[in-house]
Protein backbone atom coordinates (compact mmCIF):
# COMPACT_ATOMS: atom_id res chain seq x y z
CA MET A 1 18.92 3.97 -0.04
CA ALA A 2 17.08 6.34 -2.31
CA ILE A 3 16.31 10.03 -2.57
CA ASN A 4 12.64 10.83 -3.04
CA GLY A 5 11.21 13.76 -4.92
CA GLU A 6 11.57 16.01 -1.86
CA GLY A 7 15.27 15.29 -1.38
CA HIS A 8 14.87 13.38 1.90
CA ARG A 9 17.16 10.37 2.24
CA LYS A 10 15.39 7.36 3.68
CA SER A 11 16.45 3.75 3.89
CA ALA A 12 14.18 0.76 4.29
CA ASP A 13 15.69 0.09 7.71
CA GLU A 14 15.02 3.66 8.87
CA ILE A 15 11.42 3.42 7.79
CA ALA A 16 10.99 0.02 9.43
CA GLU A 17 12.35 1.50 12.67
CA ALA A 18 9.80 4.33 12.45
CA TYR A 19 7.05 1.69 12.28
CA LYS A 20 8.39 -0.11 15.34
CA SER A 21 5.38 0.47 17.54
CA GLU A 22 2.59 -1.53 19.10
CA PRO A 23 0.07 -2.70 16.46
CA TRP A 24 -2.84 -1.06 18.33
CA TRP A 25 -1.07 2.32 18.18
CA TYR A 26 -0.25 1.82 14.49
CA ASP A 27 -3.94 1.15 13.75
CA LEU A 28 -5.18 4.11 15.81
CA ARG A 29 -2.61 6.43 14.24
CA GLY A 30 -3.59 5.10 10.82
CA PHE A 31 -7.24 6.00 11.40
CA PHE A 32 -6.39 9.65 12.04
CA ILE A 33 -4.05 9.77 9.04
CA LEU A 34 -6.74 8.19 6.86
CA THR A 35 -9.29 10.77 7.98
CA PHE A 36 -7.27 13.97 8.07
CA ALA A 37 -4.32 13.45 5.69
CA TYR A 38 -5.78 11.08 3.09
CA ASN A 39 -9.34 12.50 3.41
CA SER A 40 -10.41 9.00 2.42
CA THR A 41 -12.74 6.43 3.98
CA LEU A 42 -12.44 2.80 4.91
CA ASN A 43 -15.44 1.99 2.72
CA GLU A 44 -13.66 3.37 -0.34
CA GLN A 45 -10.53 1.40 0.41
CA VAL A 46 -12.35 -1.84 1.16
CA ARG A 47 -14.19 -1.68 -2.17
CA LEU A 48 -11.06 -0.75 -4.14
CA PHE A 49 -8.83 -3.48 -2.75
CA GLY A 50 -11.52 -6.08 -2.09
CA SER A 51 -12.45 -6.06 -5.77
CA ASN A 52 -8.87 -6.80 -6.84
CA MET A 53 -8.10 -10.21 -5.37
CA GLY A 54 -7.43 -13.15 -7.68
CA PRO A 55 -6.90 -16.82 -6.76
CA ARG A 56 -3.27 -16.21 -5.75
CA HIS A 57 -2.91 -12.77 -4.24
CA LEU A 58 -0.03 -10.66 -2.90
CA ASP A 59 -0.57 -7.94 -0.30
CA VAL A 60 2.46 -5.60 -0.29
CA ALA A 61 3.25 -3.58 2.85
CA CYS A 62 0.45 -5.40 4.65
CA GLY A 63 1.29 -3.90 8.06
CA THR A 64 -0.75 -5.42 10.86
CA ALA A 65 -3.27 -6.69 8.25
CA THR A 66 -6.13 -4.80 9.91
CA LEU A 67 -7.30 -3.48 6.55
CA LEU A 68 -6.83 -6.90 4.95
CA ASP A 69 -9.07 -8.42 7.63
CA LEU A 70 -11.80 -5.85 6.89
CA ILE A 71 -11.46 -6.49 3.17
CA LEU A 72 -11.87 -10.23 3.63
CA LYS A 73 -14.95 -9.73 5.79
CA TRP A 74 -16.39 -7.56 2.98
CA ARG A 75 -15.58 -10.27 0.43
CA ARG A 76 -17.34 -12.90 2.54
CA TRP A 77 -20.38 -10.61 2.82
CA LYS A 78 -20.33 -10.23 -0.98
CA LYS A 79 -19.93 -14.03 -1.34
CA LEU A 80 -16.77 -13.57 -3.39
CA PRO A 81 -14.36 -16.50 -3.87
CA LYS A 82 -11.74 -17.35 -1.27
CA VAL A 83 -8.16 -16.56 -2.24
CA ASP A 84 -4.70 -17.68 -1.17
CA ILE A 85 -2.89 -14.67 0.28
CA VAL A 86 0.76 -13.85 0.78
CA GLY A 87 1.50 -10.68 2.74
CA VAL A 88 4.85 -8.91 2.90
CA ASP A 89 6.17 -6.10 5.07
CA TYR A 90 9.63 -4.84 5.98
CA ALA A 91 8.65 -3.72 9.51
CA GLU A 92 8.90 -6.89 11.59
CA SER A 93 6.75 -5.56 14.45
CA MET A 94 3.92 -4.81 12.03
CA LEU A 95 4.31 -8.19 10.35
CA ALA A 96 4.13 -9.89 13.75
CA GLY A 97 0.70 -8.33 14.23
CA ALA A 98 -0.48 -9.76 10.91
CA ILE A 99 0.85 -13.21 11.77
CA ARG A 100 -0.98 -13.17 15.10
CA ARG A 101 -4.21 -11.99 13.47
CA PHE A 102 -4.37 -14.91 11.02
CA LYS A 103 -2.56 -17.55 13.06
CA GLY A 104 -3.87 -21.04 12.37
CA GLN A 105 -6.01 -19.99 9.42
CA PRO A 106 -5.28 -21.79 6.14
CA GLY A 107 -4.49 -19.86 2.98
CA PHE A 108 -2.31 -17.18 4.56
CA ARG A 109 1.46 -16.68 4.55
CA PHE A 110 3.34 -13.63 5.77
CA VAL A 111 6.91 -12.90 4.71
CA HIS A 112 9.48 -10.38 5.90
CA ALA A 113 10.62 -8.72 2.67
CA ASP A 114 11.53 -5.42 1.05
CA ALA A 115 8.97 -4.35 -1.58
CA ALA A 116 11.89 -3.48 -3.87
CA GLU A 117 13.37 -6.99 -3.67
CA MET A 118 10.81 -9.71 -3.01
CA PRO A 119 11.68 -13.42 -2.73
CA PHE A 120 9.07 -14.64 -5.20
CA ASP A 121 9.22 -16.13 -8.67
CA SER A 122 8.27 -13.98 -11.63
CA ALA A 123 4.61 -14.20 -12.66
CA ALA A 124 3.70 -15.83 -9.33
CA PHE A 125 0.52 -13.86 -8.50
CA ASP A 126 -2.79 -13.12 -10.17
CA THR A 127 -3.25 -9.84 -8.29
CA VAL A 128 -1.29 -7.41 -6.13
CA ASN A 129 -2.63 -4.82 -3.70
CA ILE A 130 -0.61 -2.09 -2.01
CA ALA A 131 -2.76 -0.03 0.34
CA ASN A 132 -1.67 3.25 1.93
CA ALA A 133 1.98 2.53 1.30
CA ILE A 134 3.44 3.57 -2.07
CA HIS A 135 4.19 6.97 -0.56
CA CYS A 136 6.06 5.20 2.26
CA LEU A 137 8.48 3.35 -0.03
CA PRO A 138 12.07 4.66 -0.22
CA GLN A 139 12.69 2.98 -3.58
CA VAL A 140 9.33 3.47 -5.25
CA ASN A 141 10.44 2.87 -8.84
CA ALA A 142 12.22 -0.36 -7.94
CA ALA A 143 9.21 -1.50 -5.91
CA LEU A 144 6.81 -0.83 -8.78
CA HIS A 145 8.99 -2.80 -11.18
CA GLU A 146 9.17 -5.63 -8.64
CA MET A 147 5.40 -5.74 -8.25
CA VAL A 148 5.04 -5.93 -12.03
CA ARG A 149 7.64 -8.71 -12.15
CA VAL A 150 5.74 -10.96 -9.73
CA LEU A 151 2.39 -10.37 -11.46
CA LYS A 152 1.22 -12.85 -14.05
CA PRO A 153 0.68 -11.42 -17.55
CA GLY A 154 -2.82 -9.96 -17.50
CA GLY A 155 -2.70 -9.66 -13.71
CA THR A 156 -3.81 -6.47 -11.98
CA LEU A 157 -2.44 -4.17 -9.31
CA ALA A 158 -4.58 -1.92 -7.11
CA ALA A 159 -3.04 0.97 -5.20
CA ASN A 160 -3.87 4.23 -3.51
CA VAL A 161 -1.28 6.96 -3.30
CA LEU A 162 -1.17 10.00 -1.01
CA LEU A 163 -1.23 13.24 -3.01
CA TYR A 164 -0.23 16.74 -2.01
CA PRO A 165 -3.40 18.40 -0.71
CA LYS A 166 -4.97 21.03 -2.95
CA GLY A 167 -6.02 24.50 -1.90
CA GLN A 168 -5.34 26.59 1.17
CA GLY A 169 -8.30 25.66 3.35
CA VAL A 170 -8.37 24.30 6.89
CA LEU A 171 -8.38 20.66 5.80
CA ALA A 172 -5.43 21.21 3.48
CA GLY A 173 -3.54 22.89 6.30
CA ILE A 174 -4.21 19.95 8.64
CA ALA A 175 -3.14 17.47 5.95
CA ASN A 176 0.08 19.39 5.30
CA ARG A 177 0.95 19.41 9.01
CA ILE A 178 0.28 15.67 9.33
CA ASN A 179 2.41 15.00 6.24
CA ALA A 180 5.27 17.10 7.61
CA TRP A 181 5.07 15.18 10.90
CA GLY A 182 5.03 11.86 9.05
CA MET A 183 8.12 12.75 7.01
CA GLU A 184 9.96 13.94 10.10
CA LYS A 185 9.09 10.76 11.98
CA GLY A 186 9.93 8.55 9.01
CA ILE A 187 6.56 6.89 8.40
CA LEU A 188 6.07 8.90 5.19
CA VAL A 189 8.63 9.37 2.45
CA THR A 190 6.69 11.85 0.33
CA PRO A 191 3.25 12.61 -1.09
CA TYR A 192 3.04 12.72 -4.90
CA GLU A 193 1.52 14.69 -7.71
CA ARG A 194 -0.94 12.52 -9.60
CA SER A 195 0.89 12.92 -12.92
CA ASP A 196 4.21 11.90 -11.32
CA ILE A 197 3.10 8.65 -9.73
CA ARG A 198 0.95 7.78 -12.75
CA GLU A 199 3.97 8.12 -15.05
CA ARG A 200 6.09 5.99 -12.70
CA MET A 201 3.49 3.22 -12.94
CA VAL A 202 3.39 3.41 -16.72
CA GLN A 203 7.20 3.37 -16.88
CA ALA A 204 7.18 0.24 -14.68
CA GLY A 205 5.15 -1.50 -17.41
CA LEU A 206 1.56 -1.10 -16.22
CA GLU A 207 -1.52 -0.20 -18.24
CA ILE A 208 -3.92 2.02 -16.30
CA LEU A 209 -7.42 0.52 -16.21
CA THR A 210 -9.29 2.78 -13.80
CA GLU A 211 -8.23 5.85 -11.84
CA ASP A 212 -9.78 8.57 -9.73
CA VAL A 213 -8.90 11.03 -7.01
CA SER A 214 -10.80 10.83 -3.73
CA GLY A 215 -9.83 13.38 -1.11
CA ASN A 216 -6.04 13.46 -1.18
CA CYS A 217 -5.70 9.94 -2.61
CA TYR A 218 -5.05 8.73 -6.13
CA ASN A 219 -6.85 5.40 -6.51
CA VAL A 220 -5.74 3.24 -9.40
CA VAL A 221 -6.14 -0.23 -10.83
CA ALA A 222 -3.56 -1.17 -13.49
CA ARG A 223 -2.75 -4.27 -15.52
CA LYS A 224 0.41 -6.04 -16.54
CA PRO A 225 0.07 -6.52 -20.31
CA ALA A 226 -0.73 -10.07 -21.36
């Protein structure tokens, strides 16, 4: 159990229980959160994460793998190389949706695991993606260190992180209400300030390669030093 920056106590089991819903409802709910809380677009996310997939790839907090499926379709359209993918999630109902989605397809493995304690060897993956989920992790520092551990030297991590909305306008008000609902329900631990989550990544041992803010999201690609 950990205490996030807002003082809310959340355990991995509590968060997994909050995600215990039908995959179709998770995906529909995610679309509204993406639009009104993240103020981001699927196109932005597909390009960010689709460009960061090496030969052996880890997808952390993969959920139902709906986004992963879209990313792989984009990669096929771009004629990018096929990759071997391992997906992990702590919410078993979400993971079951991912397993069903890719059942019988070679090159995929899905594992029930906590992002802060993954059952993989060190330096096992060329790339790691964590989409729409760092702000949902109860032990974010431990999870970041764990993702660095399983990356090969020179490997890269791509992530987007929900930020506190800026300003006092209508969209900021909607985002704040959605965030408050998410924290109450348990599907969100906390949004972040850009400087805070950036420093956490650096402290975990990552070198920032590219970064930008789009809507209420901090998009970042970072490297484990060779």
